[in-house]
Amino acid sequence: TEHAAQEGWPLRARGMLGLATMVSEDQSGRMGYDSLGLVSDLQLGYVLTPWLDLQLAVAGGGFSSAEHTGGLLAPLAGASVRWPGTSLQPYALLQLGVGLTGTLERPFFRTGIGLDVPISRAFAFGPVLGYGQLFQHDSPGSSTDARFLWFGLSLAFRPGVPPDPNERELVHIRRVTERSWAASPPPPGSEPPSPPPSPELLALIE
C-alpha cells in the first residue's frame, strides 16, 4: 500500500463498452439470442500493490432475438492482476456477484484479459476480451447456464499520478537555465548572445 501511495492515489477507475455473443445452447438456440449483444461495465479498483487491484464493479448487457429481449445487470466484486514496469500493461480480472435478469437473481461470474496502452500520465486505453456465465438452477425445465464471450475497449483512469522523476528533473534544469539567462543580460556593445539551449539539448543533460 505504501508503494501504491507513492505512485499516486490508490484508486483506479475503468469503463468498458463492447460486443458479446452467446455460446450456450438454450440461449443461442431455443431463445434465439444468436446475434451480437451489447455489454458494458464500470469498475472502481483499490491499488493494493503495483500488481494487484481489489475491485467493485457494475456490469450490464443486453441480447435480443425475433421473439425475446434479455437484459443483465450484475453488481460484482473481484480482483485484477497486472504486470507493472512496462509501457504496455497486460492485466487479467476475475469478478463474482449476482446477475439480475428479468425477475431472476442468479450467481454470476466473469473473467477477462486486457491490455492498457497509456495515452497520458493518468489515462490508458486498450482492448479487453472476456467470458461471462450466469448460473441457472439444475432442475427439470430449467435452461442451461447463460454463457457468453465478450470483446470491448476500456478506458482506465488513475488519479493523482505524480510526474516521472526524470521529467521533474528536466523541468528543474530548464527553469534554472532560463533564470540564469534572464539574470545575466549581455553588456552593451558585446556580441549577441547565442540562443538558449533547445529542449533537445536540455533532454541530453538528464
N, C-alpha and C. Protein backbone atom coordinates (compact mmCIF):
# COMPACT_ATOMS: atom_id res chain seq x y z
N THR A 1 0.83 -1.20 0.00
CA THR A 1 0.00 0.00 0.00
C THR A 1 0.87 1.26 0.00
N GLU A 2 1.97 1.23 0.73
CA GLU A 2 2.85 2.38 0.78
C GLU A 2 3.42 2.67 -0.61
N HIS A 3 3.83 1.61 -1.32
CA HIS A 3 4.38 1.81 -2.67
C HIS A 3 3.33 2.39 -3.59
N ALA A 4 2.07 1.88 -3.48
CA ALA A 4 1.00 2.39 -4.32
C ALA A 4 0.74 3.86 -4.03
N ALA A 5 0.78 4.24 -2.74
CA ALA A 5 0.51 5.63 -2.40
C ALA A 5 1.57 6.54 -2.96
N GLN A 6 2.84 6.07 -3.00
CA GLN A 6 3.90 6.90 -3.54
C GLN A 6 3.70 7.15 -5.03
N GLU A 7 3.05 6.22 -5.71
CA GLU A 7 2.84 6.37 -7.15
C GLU A 7 1.60 7.20 -7.46
N GLY A 8 0.77 7.52 -6.49
CA GLY A 8 -0.45 8.28 -6.73
C GLY A 8 -1.55 7.80 -5.80
N TRP A 9 -2.74 8.31 -6.00
CA TRP A 9 -3.86 7.86 -5.20
C TRP A 9 -4.06 6.37 -5.41
N PRO A 10 -4.41 5.61 -4.37
CA PRO A 10 -4.56 4.16 -4.53
C PRO A 10 -5.90 3.77 -5.13
N LEU A 11 -6.29 4.44 -6.20
CA LEU A 11 -7.56 4.16 -6.87
C LEU A 11 -7.34 4.06 -8.37
N ARG A 12 -8.15 3.22 -9.01
CA ARG A 12 -8.13 3.13 -10.47
C ARG A 12 -9.56 2.91 -10.94
N ALA A 13 -10.06 3.79 -11.79
CA ALA A 13 -11.41 3.66 -12.34
C ALA A 13 -11.31 3.17 -13.79
N ARG A 14 -12.30 2.39 -14.20
CA ARG A 14 -12.28 1.84 -15.56
C ARG A 14 -13.70 1.72 -16.09
N GLY A 15 -13.87 2.05 -17.35
CA GLY A 15 -15.14 1.84 -18.02
C GLY A 15 -14.91 1.04 -19.29
N MET A 16 -15.87 0.18 -19.65
CA MET A 16 -15.73 -0.67 -20.83
C MET A 16 -17.04 -0.71 -21.60
N LEU A 17 -16.92 -0.75 -22.93
CA LEU A 17 -18.06 -0.92 -23.82
C LEU A 17 -17.67 -1.93 -24.88
N GLY A 18 -18.55 -2.91 -25.13
CA GLY A 18 -18.16 -3.93 -26.10
C GLY A 18 -19.34 -4.72 -26.64
N LEU A 19 -18.99 -5.75 -27.40
CA LEU A 19 -19.95 -6.65 -28.02
C LEU A 19 -19.82 -8.04 -27.42
N ALA A 20 -20.92 -8.80 -27.42
CA ALA A 20 -20.91 -10.14 -26.84
C ALA A 20 -21.71 -11.09 -27.72
N THR A 21 -21.36 -12.37 -27.62
CA THR A 21 -22.10 -13.41 -28.34
C THR A 21 -22.36 -14.59 -27.41
N MET A 22 -23.58 -15.10 -27.42
CA MET A 22 -23.93 -16.25 -26.60
C MET A 22 -23.27 -17.51 -27.15
N VAL A 23 -22.79 -18.35 -26.25
CA VAL A 23 -22.20 -19.64 -26.65
C VAL A 23 -22.90 -20.80 -25.95
N SER A 24 -23.95 -20.53 -25.19
CA SER A 24 -24.70 -21.59 -24.51
C SER A 24 -25.86 -22.06 -25.39
N GLU A 25 -26.21 -23.34 -25.24
CA GLU A 25 -27.14 -24.00 -26.16
C GLU A 25 -28.53 -23.38 -26.15
N ASP A 26 -29.15 -23.28 -24.97
CA ASP A 26 -30.53 -22.79 -24.92
C ASP A 26 -30.64 -21.34 -25.35
N GLN A 27 -29.70 -20.51 -24.93
CA GLN A 27 -29.79 -19.09 -25.24
C GLN A 27 -29.58 -18.81 -26.72
N SER A 28 -28.62 -19.47 -27.35
CA SER A 28 -28.37 -19.23 -28.76
C SER A 28 -29.29 -20.03 -29.66
N GLY A 29 -29.89 -21.11 -29.14
CA GLY A 29 -30.78 -21.95 -29.93
C GLY A 29 -32.24 -21.71 -29.64
N ARG A 30 -32.74 -22.24 -28.52
CA ARG A 30 -34.17 -22.18 -28.20
C ARG A 30 -34.67 -20.75 -28.03
N MET A 31 -33.86 -19.87 -27.41
CA MET A 31 -34.29 -18.49 -27.19
C MET A 31 -33.94 -17.57 -28.35
N GLY A 32 -33.08 -18.01 -29.24
CA GLY A 32 -32.78 -17.24 -30.45
C GLY A 32 -31.83 -16.07 -30.26
N TYR A 33 -31.05 -16.05 -29.17
CA TYR A 33 -30.08 -14.98 -28.98
C TYR A 33 -28.80 -15.30 -29.77
N ASP A 34 -28.95 -15.33 -31.09
CA ASP A 34 -27.82 -15.73 -31.93
C ASP A 34 -27.17 -14.55 -32.63
N SER A 35 -27.56 -13.32 -32.25
CA SER A 35 -26.92 -12.13 -32.80
C SER A 35 -26.06 -11.49 -31.71
N LEU A 36 -25.28 -10.50 -32.10
CA LEU A 36 -24.41 -9.84 -31.15
C LEU A 36 -25.20 -9.00 -30.16
N GLY A 37 -24.79 -9.03 -28.91
CA GLY A 37 -25.37 -8.18 -27.89
C GLY A 37 -24.38 -7.11 -27.47
N LEU A 38 -24.86 -6.21 -26.65
CA LEU A 38 -24.02 -5.12 -26.12
C LEU A 38 -23.73 -5.36 -24.64
N VAL A 39 -22.50 -5.10 -24.22
CA VAL A 39 -22.13 -5.21 -22.81
C VAL A 39 -21.34 -3.96 -22.41
N SER A 40 -21.38 -3.65 -21.14
CA SER A 40 -20.62 -2.51 -20.62
C SER A 40 -20.36 -2.74 -19.14
N ASP A 41 -19.44 -1.97 -18.59
CA ASP A 41 -19.22 -2.04 -17.16
C ASP A 41 -18.56 -0.77 -16.66
N LEU A 42 -18.64 -0.57 -15.36
CA LEU A 42 -17.91 0.46 -14.63
C LEU A 42 -17.23 -0.21 -13.46
N GLN A 43 -15.94 0.05 -13.28
CA GLN A 43 -15.15 -0.58 -12.23
C GLN A 43 -14.44 0.48 -11.40
N LEU A 44 -14.33 0.21 -10.12
CA LEU A 44 -13.52 1.04 -9.23
C LEU A 44 -12.59 0.11 -8.47
N GLY A 45 -11.28 0.32 -8.63
CA GLY A 45 -10.31 -0.56 -8.00
C GLY A 45 -9.47 0.15 -6.96
N TYR A 46 -9.12 -0.59 -5.92
CA TYR A 46 -8.18 -0.10 -4.91
C TYR A 46 -6.83 -0.75 -5.20
N VAL A 47 -5.81 0.08 -5.44
CA VAL A 47 -4.49 -0.42 -5.81
C VAL A 47 -3.79 -0.91 -4.55
N LEU A 48 -3.87 -2.23 -4.32
CA LEU A 48 -3.29 -2.80 -3.11
C LEU A 48 -1.78 -2.91 -3.23
N THR A 49 -1.29 -3.34 -4.39
CA THR A 49 0.14 -3.41 -4.70
C THR A 49 0.30 -2.98 -6.15
N PRO A 50 1.52 -2.76 -6.65
CA PRO A 50 1.68 -2.40 -8.06
C PRO A 50 1.11 -3.44 -9.03
N TRP A 51 0.91 -4.68 -8.57
CA TRP A 51 0.40 -5.71 -9.48
C TRP A 51 -1.00 -6.21 -9.13
N LEU A 52 -1.62 -5.74 -8.05
CA LEU A 52 -2.92 -6.25 -7.63
C LEU A 52 -3.88 -5.12 -7.29
N ASP A 53 -5.06 -5.13 -7.92
CA ASP A 53 -6.16 -4.22 -7.59
C ASP A 53 -7.32 -5.03 -7.03
N LEU A 54 -7.95 -4.56 -5.96
CA LEU A 54 -9.22 -5.09 -5.50
C LEU A 54 -10.33 -4.23 -6.10
N GLN A 55 -11.42 -4.86 -6.57
CA GLN A 55 -12.38 -4.14 -7.40
C GLN A 55 -13.83 -4.31 -6.94
N LEU A 56 -14.60 -3.26 -7.15
CA LEU A 56 -16.06 -3.29 -7.15
C LEU A 56 -16.49 -2.86 -8.54
N ALA A 57 -17.52 -3.51 -9.07
CA ALA A 57 -17.92 -3.22 -10.45
C ALA A 57 -19.42 -3.41 -10.61
N VAL A 58 -19.95 -2.78 -11.64
CA VAL A 58 -21.32 -3.00 -12.09
C VAL A 58 -21.25 -3.29 -13.58
N ALA A 59 -21.73 -4.46 -13.98
CA ALA A 59 -21.72 -4.87 -15.39
C ALA A 59 -23.15 -4.98 -15.88
N GLY A 60 -23.34 -4.66 -17.14
CA GLY A 60 -24.67 -4.77 -17.75
C GLY A 60 -24.56 -5.22 -19.18
N GLY A 61 -25.67 -5.67 -19.72
CA GLY A 61 -25.67 -6.11 -21.11
C GLY A 61 -27.08 -6.39 -21.58
N GLY A 62 -27.20 -6.59 -22.88
CA GLY A 62 -28.50 -6.89 -23.46
C GLY A 62 -28.36 -7.72 -24.72
N PHE A 63 -29.29 -8.68 -24.90
CA PHE A 63 -29.36 -9.52 -26.09
C PHE A 63 -30.80 -9.49 -26.60
N SER A 64 -30.95 -9.60 -27.90
CA SER A 64 -32.30 -9.59 -28.47
C SER A 64 -32.41 -10.64 -29.56
N SER A 65 -33.63 -11.09 -29.78
CA SER A 65 -33.95 -12.02 -30.86
C SER A 65 -35.28 -11.58 -31.47
N ALA A 66 -35.80 -12.36 -32.37
CA ALA A 66 -37.07 -12.02 -33.00
C ALA A 66 -38.21 -12.04 -32.00
N GLU A 67 -38.08 -12.86 -30.94
CA GLU A 67 -39.18 -13.02 -30.00
C GLU A 67 -38.85 -12.57 -28.59
N HIS A 68 -37.57 -12.42 -28.27
CA HIS A 68 -37.19 -12.16 -26.89
C HIS A 68 -36.19 -11.01 -26.83
N THR A 69 -36.22 -10.34 -25.70
CA THR A 69 -35.19 -9.37 -25.35
C THR A 69 -34.74 -9.67 -23.93
N GLY A 70 -33.44 -9.88 -23.77
CA GLY A 70 -32.92 -10.23 -22.45
C GLY A 70 -31.88 -9.23 -21.99
N GLY A 71 -31.97 -8.86 -20.73
CA GLY A 71 -31.01 -7.93 -20.16
C GLY A 71 -30.32 -8.52 -18.95
N LEU A 72 -29.18 -7.95 -18.59
CA LEU A 72 -28.41 -8.41 -17.45
C LEU A 72 -27.83 -7.21 -16.72
N LEU A 73 -27.99 -7.20 -15.41
CA LEU A 73 -27.36 -6.20 -14.55
C LEU A 73 -26.72 -6.95 -13.39
N ALA A 74 -25.42 -6.71 -13.15
CA ALA A 74 -24.70 -7.52 -12.17
C ALA A 74 -23.77 -6.67 -11.33
N PRO A 75 -24.05 -6.51 -10.02
CA PRO A 75 -23.05 -5.95 -9.12
C PRO A 75 -22.00 -7.03 -8.82
N LEU A 76 -20.74 -6.65 -8.83
CA LEU A 76 -19.65 -7.61 -8.76
C LEU A 76 -18.56 -7.15 -7.81
N ALA A 77 -17.78 -8.09 -7.32
CA ALA A 77 -16.56 -7.82 -6.56
C ALA A 77 -15.50 -8.79 -7.04
N GLY A 78 -14.25 -8.35 -7.05
CA GLY A 78 -13.20 -9.22 -7.53
C GLY A 78 -11.84 -8.57 -7.45
N ALA A 79 -10.96 -9.01 -8.34
CA ALA A 79 -9.59 -8.53 -8.33
C ALA A 79 -9.04 -8.51 -9.74
N SER A 80 -8.02 -7.68 -9.94
CA SER A 80 -7.33 -7.57 -11.21
C SER A 80 -5.84 -7.69 -10.95
N VAL A 81 -5.16 -8.53 -11.73
CA VAL A 81 -3.71 -8.71 -11.62
C VAL A 81 -3.07 -8.12 -12.86
N ARG A 82 -2.02 -7.32 -12.68
CA ARG A 82 -1.36 -6.67 -13.80
C ARG A 82 0.13 -6.90 -13.75
N TRP A 83 0.78 -6.62 -14.87
CA TRP A 83 2.23 -6.75 -14.99
C TRP A 83 2.81 -5.33 -15.07
N PRO A 84 3.28 -4.79 -13.93
CA PRO A 84 3.77 -3.41 -13.92
C PRO A 84 5.18 -3.31 -14.49
N GLY A 85 5.63 -2.08 -14.64
CA GLY A 85 7.01 -1.84 -15.05
C GLY A 85 7.23 -1.79 -16.54
N THR A 86 6.18 -1.86 -17.34
CA THR A 86 6.32 -1.77 -18.78
C THR A 86 5.38 -0.69 -19.30
N SER A 87 5.68 -0.17 -20.49
CA SER A 87 4.83 0.87 -21.06
C SER A 87 3.46 0.32 -21.43
N LEU A 88 3.40 -0.91 -21.93
CA LEU A 88 2.14 -1.60 -22.19
C LEU A 88 1.89 -2.55 -21.03
N GLN A 89 0.72 -2.44 -20.39
CA GLN A 89 0.46 -3.22 -19.19
C GLN A 89 -0.66 -4.22 -19.42
N PRO A 90 -0.35 -5.51 -19.61
CA PRO A 90 -1.40 -6.53 -19.67
C PRO A 90 -1.98 -6.77 -18.28
N TYR A 91 -3.22 -7.20 -18.24
CA TYR A 91 -3.86 -7.49 -16.95
C TYR A 91 -4.90 -8.58 -17.14
N ALA A 92 -5.28 -9.21 -16.04
CA ALA A 92 -6.33 -10.22 -16.01
C ALA A 92 -7.26 -9.92 -14.85
N LEU A 93 -8.55 -10.18 -15.03
CA LEU A 93 -9.52 -9.89 -13.96
C LEU A 93 -10.42 -11.10 -13.72
N LEU A 94 -10.91 -11.20 -12.49
CA LEU A 94 -11.88 -12.22 -12.10
C LEU A 94 -12.85 -11.57 -11.13
N GLN A 95 -14.15 -11.64 -11.44
CA GLN A 95 -15.16 -10.97 -10.63
C GLN A 95 -16.35 -11.89 -10.41
N LEU A 96 -16.93 -11.84 -9.21
CA LEU A 96 -18.08 -12.66 -8.82
C LEU A 96 -19.18 -11.74 -8.30
N GLY A 97 -20.45 -12.17 -8.50
CA GLY A 97 -21.55 -11.36 -8.00
C GLY A 97 -22.88 -12.00 -8.27
N VAL A 98 -23.89 -11.15 -8.31
CA VAL A 98 -25.27 -11.58 -8.55
C VAL A 98 -25.73 -11.00 -9.87
N GLY A 99 -26.25 -11.85 -10.74
CA GLY A 99 -26.79 -11.39 -12.02
C GLY A 99 -28.30 -11.24 -11.94
N LEU A 100 -28.78 -10.07 -12.28
CA LEU A 100 -30.22 -9.79 -12.28
C LEU A 100 -30.68 -9.78 -13.73
N THR A 101 -31.54 -10.71 -14.09
CA THR A 101 -32.06 -10.80 -15.46
C THR A 101 -33.55 -11.08 -15.41
N GLY A 102 -34.35 -10.16 -15.90
CA GLY A 102 -35.79 -10.28 -15.76
C GLY A 102 -36.16 -10.26 -14.29
N THR A 103 -36.91 -11.27 -13.85
CA THR A 103 -37.27 -11.39 -12.43
C THR A 103 -36.36 -12.35 -11.68
N LEU A 104 -35.31 -12.82 -12.34
CA LEU A 104 -34.43 -13.83 -11.75
C LEU A 104 -33.19 -13.19 -11.15
N GLU A 105 -32.71 -13.81 -10.08
CA GLU A 105 -31.42 -13.47 -9.47
C GLU A 105 -30.59 -14.74 -9.45
N ARG A 106 -29.43 -14.68 -10.09
CA ARG A 106 -28.62 -15.88 -10.22
C ARG A 106 -27.15 -15.54 -9.94
N PRO A 107 -26.36 -16.51 -9.46
CA PRO A 107 -24.92 -16.28 -9.33
C PRO A 107 -24.31 -16.00 -10.70
N PHE A 108 -23.36 -15.08 -10.72
CA PHE A 108 -22.74 -14.68 -11.98
C PHE A 108 -21.25 -14.46 -11.77
N PHE A 109 -20.48 -14.89 -12.73
CA PHE A 109 -19.06 -14.56 -12.67
C PHE A 109 -18.56 -14.24 -14.06
N ARG A 110 -17.47 -13.50 -14.11
CA ARG A 110 -16.83 -13.21 -15.39
C ARG A 110 -15.33 -13.08 -15.19
N THR A 111 -14.62 -13.35 -16.25
CA THR A 111 -13.18 -13.23 -16.24
C THR A 111 -12.75 -12.63 -17.57
N GLY A 112 -11.57 -12.02 -17.58
CA GLY A 112 -11.13 -11.38 -18.82
C GLY A 112 -9.65 -11.06 -18.79
N ILE A 113 -9.12 -10.76 -19.95
CA ILE A 113 -7.74 -10.30 -20.09
C ILE A 113 -7.76 -9.04 -20.95
N GLY A 114 -6.84 -8.13 -20.67
CA GLY A 114 -6.82 -6.88 -21.42
C GLY A 114 -5.42 -6.31 -21.50
N LEU A 115 -5.32 -5.20 -22.19
CA LEU A 115 -4.04 -4.52 -22.36
C LEU A 115 -4.27 -3.02 -22.23
N ASP A 116 -3.57 -2.40 -21.28
CA ASP A 116 -3.63 -0.95 -21.10
C ASP A 116 -2.51 -0.28 -21.90
N VAL A 117 -2.89 0.63 -22.79
CA VAL A 117 -1.92 1.41 -23.56
C VAL A 117 -2.00 2.85 -23.06
N PRO A 118 -0.97 3.35 -22.37
CA PRO A 118 -1.04 4.71 -21.81
C PRO A 118 -1.24 5.75 -22.92
N ILE A 119 -2.17 6.69 -22.68
CA ILE A 119 -2.36 7.81 -23.60
C ILE A 119 -2.03 9.13 -22.92
N SER A 120 -1.81 9.09 -21.61
CA SER A 120 -1.31 10.23 -20.83
C SER A 120 -0.82 9.68 -19.51
N ARG A 121 -0.40 10.57 -18.62
CA ARG A 121 0.10 10.11 -17.32
C ARG A 121 -1.00 9.41 -16.53
N ALA A 122 -2.25 9.82 -16.67
CA ALA A 122 -3.32 9.29 -15.84
C ALA A 122 -4.28 8.37 -16.59
N PHE A 123 -4.29 8.40 -17.94
CA PHE A 123 -5.26 7.62 -18.71
C PHE A 123 -4.58 6.52 -19.51
N ALA A 124 -5.31 5.40 -19.66
CA ALA A 124 -4.87 4.30 -20.51
C ALA A 124 -6.07 3.76 -21.26
N PHE A 125 -5.84 3.28 -22.47
CA PHE A 125 -6.92 2.82 -23.35
C PHE A 125 -6.48 1.52 -24.00
N GLY A 126 -7.39 0.57 -24.16
CA GLY A 126 -6.96 -0.66 -24.80
C GLY A 126 -8.06 -1.71 -24.89
N PRO A 127 -7.75 -2.83 -25.55
CA PRO A 127 -8.74 -3.88 -25.77
C PRO A 127 -8.85 -4.81 -24.56
N VAL A 128 -10.00 -5.45 -24.43
CA VAL A 128 -10.22 -6.44 -23.38
C VAL A 128 -11.13 -7.53 -23.92
N LEU A 129 -10.83 -8.77 -23.57
CA LEU A 129 -11.57 -9.95 -24.04
C LEU A 129 -11.97 -10.76 -22.82
N GLY A 130 -13.22 -11.25 -22.78
CA GLY A 130 -13.64 -11.95 -21.58
C GLY A 130 -14.73 -12.99 -21.80
N TYR A 131 -15.09 -13.62 -20.69
CA TYR A 131 -16.10 -14.68 -20.65
C TYR A 131 -16.99 -14.45 -19.45
N GLY A 132 -18.30 -14.57 -19.63
CA GLY A 132 -19.25 -14.43 -18.54
C GLY A 132 -20.18 -15.62 -18.45
N GLN A 133 -20.64 -15.94 -17.23
CA GLN A 133 -21.55 -17.08 -17.06
C GLN A 133 -22.55 -16.78 -15.95
N LEU A 134 -23.82 -16.94 -16.29
CA LEU A 134 -24.93 -16.79 -15.35
C LEU A 134 -25.44 -18.19 -15.03
N PHE A 135 -25.37 -18.59 -13.77
CA PHE A 135 -25.70 -19.96 -13.38
C PHE A 135 -27.21 -20.11 -13.15
N GLN A 136 -27.81 -21.10 -13.81
CA GLN A 136 -29.22 -21.42 -13.63
C GLN A 136 -29.37 -22.59 -12.67
N HIS A 137 -30.57 -22.74 -12.11
CA HIS A 137 -30.86 -23.88 -11.23
C HIS A 137 -30.83 -25.17 -12.05
N ASP A 138 -30.25 -26.20 -11.47
CA ASP A 138 -30.19 -27.50 -12.13
C ASP A 138 -31.43 -28.31 -11.77
N SER A 139 -32.53 -27.98 -12.44
CA SER A 139 -33.81 -28.65 -12.15
C SER A 139 -34.55 -28.87 -13.47
N PRO A 140 -35.51 -29.82 -13.49
CA PRO A 140 -36.25 -30.10 -14.73
C PRO A 140 -36.92 -28.83 -15.28
N GLY A 141 -36.75 -28.60 -16.57
CA GLY A 141 -37.36 -27.45 -17.21
C GLY A 141 -36.51 -26.20 -17.20
N SER A 142 -35.43 -26.20 -16.42
CA SER A 142 -34.56 -25.02 -16.37
C SER A 142 -33.70 -24.97 -17.63
N SER A 143 -33.31 -23.77 -18.01
CA SER A 143 -32.44 -23.62 -19.16
C SER A 143 -31.00 -23.90 -18.76
N THR A 144 -30.15 -24.02 -19.75
CA THR A 144 -28.72 -24.15 -19.46
C THR A 144 -28.20 -22.82 -18.90
N ASP A 145 -27.03 -22.88 -18.29
CA ASP A 145 -26.38 -21.64 -17.85
C ASP A 145 -26.19 -20.72 -19.05
N ALA A 146 -26.40 -19.43 -18.83
CA ALA A 146 -26.17 -18.45 -19.90
C ALA A 146 -24.68 -18.13 -19.94
N ARG A 147 -24.03 -18.51 -21.02
CA ARG A 147 -22.59 -18.31 -21.18
C ARG A 147 -22.34 -17.46 -22.42
N PHE A 148 -21.47 -16.47 -22.29
CA PHE A 148 -21.19 -15.61 -23.43
C PHE A 148 -19.74 -15.14 -23.42
N LEU A 149 -19.24 -14.86 -24.62
CA LEU A 149 -17.93 -14.26 -24.81
C LEU A 149 -18.12 -12.79 -25.12
N TRP A 150 -17.20 -11.95 -24.68
CA TRP A 150 -17.33 -10.52 -24.97
C TRP A 150 -15.97 -9.92 -25.31
N PHE A 151 -16.03 -8.90 -26.14
CA PHE A 151 -14.84 -8.15 -26.54
C PHE A 151 -15.18 -6.68 -26.52
N GLY A 152 -14.30 -5.88 -25.94
CA GLY A 152 -14.58 -4.45 -25.86
C GLY A 152 -13.33 -3.61 -25.77
N LEU A 153 -13.56 -2.33 -25.61
CA LEU A 153 -12.49 -1.35 -25.42
C LEU A 153 -12.71 -0.67 -24.07
N SER A 154 -11.64 -0.54 -23.31
CA SER A 154 -11.77 0.04 -21.98
C SER A 154 -10.92 1.29 -21.86
N LEU A 155 -11.36 2.18 -20.98
CA LEU A 155 -10.63 3.40 -20.66
C LEU A 155 -10.40 3.40 -19.16
N ALA A 156 -9.13 3.45 -18.75
CA ALA A 156 -8.77 3.43 -17.34
C ALA A 156 -8.24 4.80 -16.92
N PHE A 157 -8.54 5.18 -15.68
CA PHE A 157 -8.12 6.47 -15.14
C PHE A 157 -7.51 6.24 -13.77
N ARG A 158 -6.29 6.72 -13.59
CA ARG A 158 -5.59 6.65 -12.30
C ARG A 158 -5.32 8.07 -11.82
N PRO A 159 -6.12 8.60 -10.86
CA PRO A 159 -5.94 9.99 -10.43
C PRO A 159 -4.69 10.17 -9.60
N GLY A 160 -4.15 11.40 -9.63
CA GLY A 160 -3.08 11.78 -8.73
C GLY A 160 -1.73 11.15 -9.01
N VAL A 161 -1.51 10.65 -10.23
CA VAL A 161 -0.21 10.05 -10.54
C VAL A 161 0.82 11.17 -10.68
N PRO A 162 1.91 11.15 -9.91
CA PRO A 162 2.89 12.24 -9.97
C PRO A 162 3.72 12.16 -11.24
N PRO A 163 4.38 13.26 -11.64
CA PRO A 163 5.24 13.23 -12.82
C PRO A 163 6.40 12.27 -12.64
N ASP A 164 6.90 11.78 -13.74
CA ASP A 164 8.08 10.93 -13.71
C ASP A 164 9.26 11.72 -13.14
N PRO A 165 10.10 11.09 -12.27
CA PRO A 165 11.24 11.82 -11.69
C PRO A 165 12.16 12.42 -12.73
N ASN A 166 12.42 11.73 -13.82
CA ASN A 166 13.27 12.28 -14.88
C ASN A 166 12.65 13.52 -15.50
N GLU A 167 11.31 13.49 -15.64
CA GLU A 167 10.62 14.65 -16.21
C GLU A 167 10.71 15.84 -15.27
N ARG A 168 10.57 15.61 -13.96
CA ARG A 168 10.68 16.70 -12.99
C ARG A 168 12.09 17.29 -13.02
N GLU A 169 13.09 16.44 -13.13
CA GLU A 169 14.47 16.92 -13.17
C GLU A 169 14.71 17.76 -14.41
N LEU A 170 14.16 17.35 -15.56
CA LEU A 170 14.32 18.11 -16.79
C LEU A 170 13.66 19.48 -16.67
N VAL A 171 12.46 19.53 -16.06
CA VAL A 171 11.78 20.80 -15.87
C VAL A 171 12.61 21.70 -14.96
N HIS A 172 13.22 21.13 -13.90
CA HIS A 172 14.05 21.92 -12.99
C HIS A 172 15.26 22.50 -13.73
N ILE A 173 15.94 21.69 -14.52
CA ILE A 173 17.11 22.16 -15.28
C ILE A 173 16.71 23.28 -16.24
N ARG A 174 15.57 23.11 -16.91
CA ARG A 174 15.12 24.12 -17.86
C ARG A 174 14.85 25.44 -17.15
N ARG A 175 14.19 25.39 -15.98
CA ARG A 175 13.87 26.63 -15.26
C ARG A 175 15.13 27.32 -14.76
N VAL A 176 16.09 26.54 -14.22
CA VAL A 176 17.34 27.14 -13.73
C VAL A 176 18.09 27.78 -14.89
N THR A 177 18.13 27.12 -16.04
CA THR A 177 18.83 27.66 -17.20
C THR A 177 18.18 28.94 -17.68
N GLU A 178 16.84 28.94 -17.74
CA GLU A 178 16.13 30.13 -18.20
C GLU A 178 16.35 31.30 -17.25
N ARG A 179 16.38 31.04 -15.91
CA ARG A 179 16.60 32.12 -14.94
C ARG A 179 18.01 32.69 -15.06
N SER A 180 18.99 31.81 -15.29
CA SER A 180 20.37 32.29 -15.40
C SER A 180 20.54 33.16 -16.64
N TRP A 181 19.88 32.82 -17.74
CA TRP A 181 19.96 33.66 -18.94
C TRP A 181 19.27 35.02 -18.71
N ALA A 182 18.14 34.96 -18.00
CA ALA A 182 17.40 36.21 -17.76
C ALA A 182 18.15 37.12 -16.78
N ALA A 183 18.89 36.52 -15.82
CA ALA A 183 19.57 37.32 -14.79
C ALA A 183 20.91 37.87 -15.27
N SER A 184 21.43 37.40 -16.36
CA SER A 184 22.75 37.83 -16.84
C SER A 184 22.67 38.34 -18.27
N PRO A 185 22.06 39.51 -18.49
CA PRO A 185 22.00 40.04 -19.85
C PRO A 185 23.38 40.43 -20.33
N PRO A 186 23.64 40.36 -21.62
CA PRO A 186 24.98 40.72 -22.14
C PRO A 186 25.23 42.22 -21.97
N PRO A 187 26.49 42.63 -21.69
CA PRO A 187 26.81 44.05 -21.55
C PRO A 187 26.68 44.77 -22.88
N PRO A 188 26.46 46.10 -22.84
CA PRO A 188 26.31 46.87 -24.09
C PRO A 188 27.56 46.73 -24.96
N GLY A 189 27.36 46.62 -26.27
CA GLY A 189 28.44 46.53 -27.23
C GLY A 189 29.03 45.16 -27.38
N SER A 190 28.59 44.19 -26.55
CA SER A 190 29.13 42.84 -26.70
C SER A 190 28.41 42.13 -27.84
N GLU A 191 28.97 41.01 -28.22
CA GLU A 191 28.36 40.24 -29.30
C GLU A 191 27.01 39.70 -28.83
N PRO A 192 26.08 39.56 -29.75
CA PRO A 192 24.77 38.99 -29.37
C PRO A 192 24.95 37.61 -28.76
N PRO A 193 24.19 37.32 -27.71
CA PRO A 193 24.34 36.00 -27.07
C PRO A 193 23.82 34.89 -27.98
N SER A 194 24.38 33.74 -27.78
CA SER A 194 23.85 32.58 -28.50
C SER A 194 22.48 32.24 -27.94
N PRO A 195 21.66 31.58 -28.73
CA PRO A 195 20.29 31.27 -28.27
C PRO A 195 20.33 30.31 -27.08
N PRO A 196 19.29 30.35 -26.26
CA PRO A 196 19.25 29.42 -25.11
C PRO A 196 19.18 27.98 -25.59
N PRO A 197 19.53 27.02 -24.72
CA PRO A 197 19.51 25.60 -25.11
C PRO A 197 18.13 25.18 -25.57
N SER A 198 18.12 24.35 -26.59
CA SER A 198 16.85 23.83 -27.10
C SER A 198 16.36 22.71 -26.19
N PRO A 199 15.06 22.35 -26.27
CA PRO A 199 14.56 21.23 -25.48
C PRO A 199 15.33 19.93 -25.72
N GLU A 200 15.76 19.73 -26.98
CA GLU A 200 16.53 18.51 -27.26
C GLU A 200 17.85 18.50 -26.49
N LEU A 201 18.52 19.67 -26.44
CA LEU A 201 19.77 19.77 -25.72
C LEU A 201 19.55 19.57 -24.22
N LEU A 202 18.49 20.19 -23.71
CA LEU A 202 18.20 20.02 -22.29
C LEU A 202 17.90 18.56 -21.95
N ALA A 203 17.27 17.85 -22.89
CA ALA A 203 16.98 16.43 -22.65
C ALA A 203 18.24 15.61 -22.51
N LEU A 204 19.31 16.03 -23.19
CA LEU A 204 20.57 15.30 -23.10
C LEU A 204 21.30 15.54 -21.79
N ILE A 205 20.86 16.57 -21.04
CA ILE A 205 21.52 16.88 -19.77
C ILE A 205 21.01 16.00 -18.65
N GLU A 206 19.92 15.25 -18.91
CA GLU A 206 19.34 14.43 -17.83
C GLU A 206 20.40 13.60 -17.11
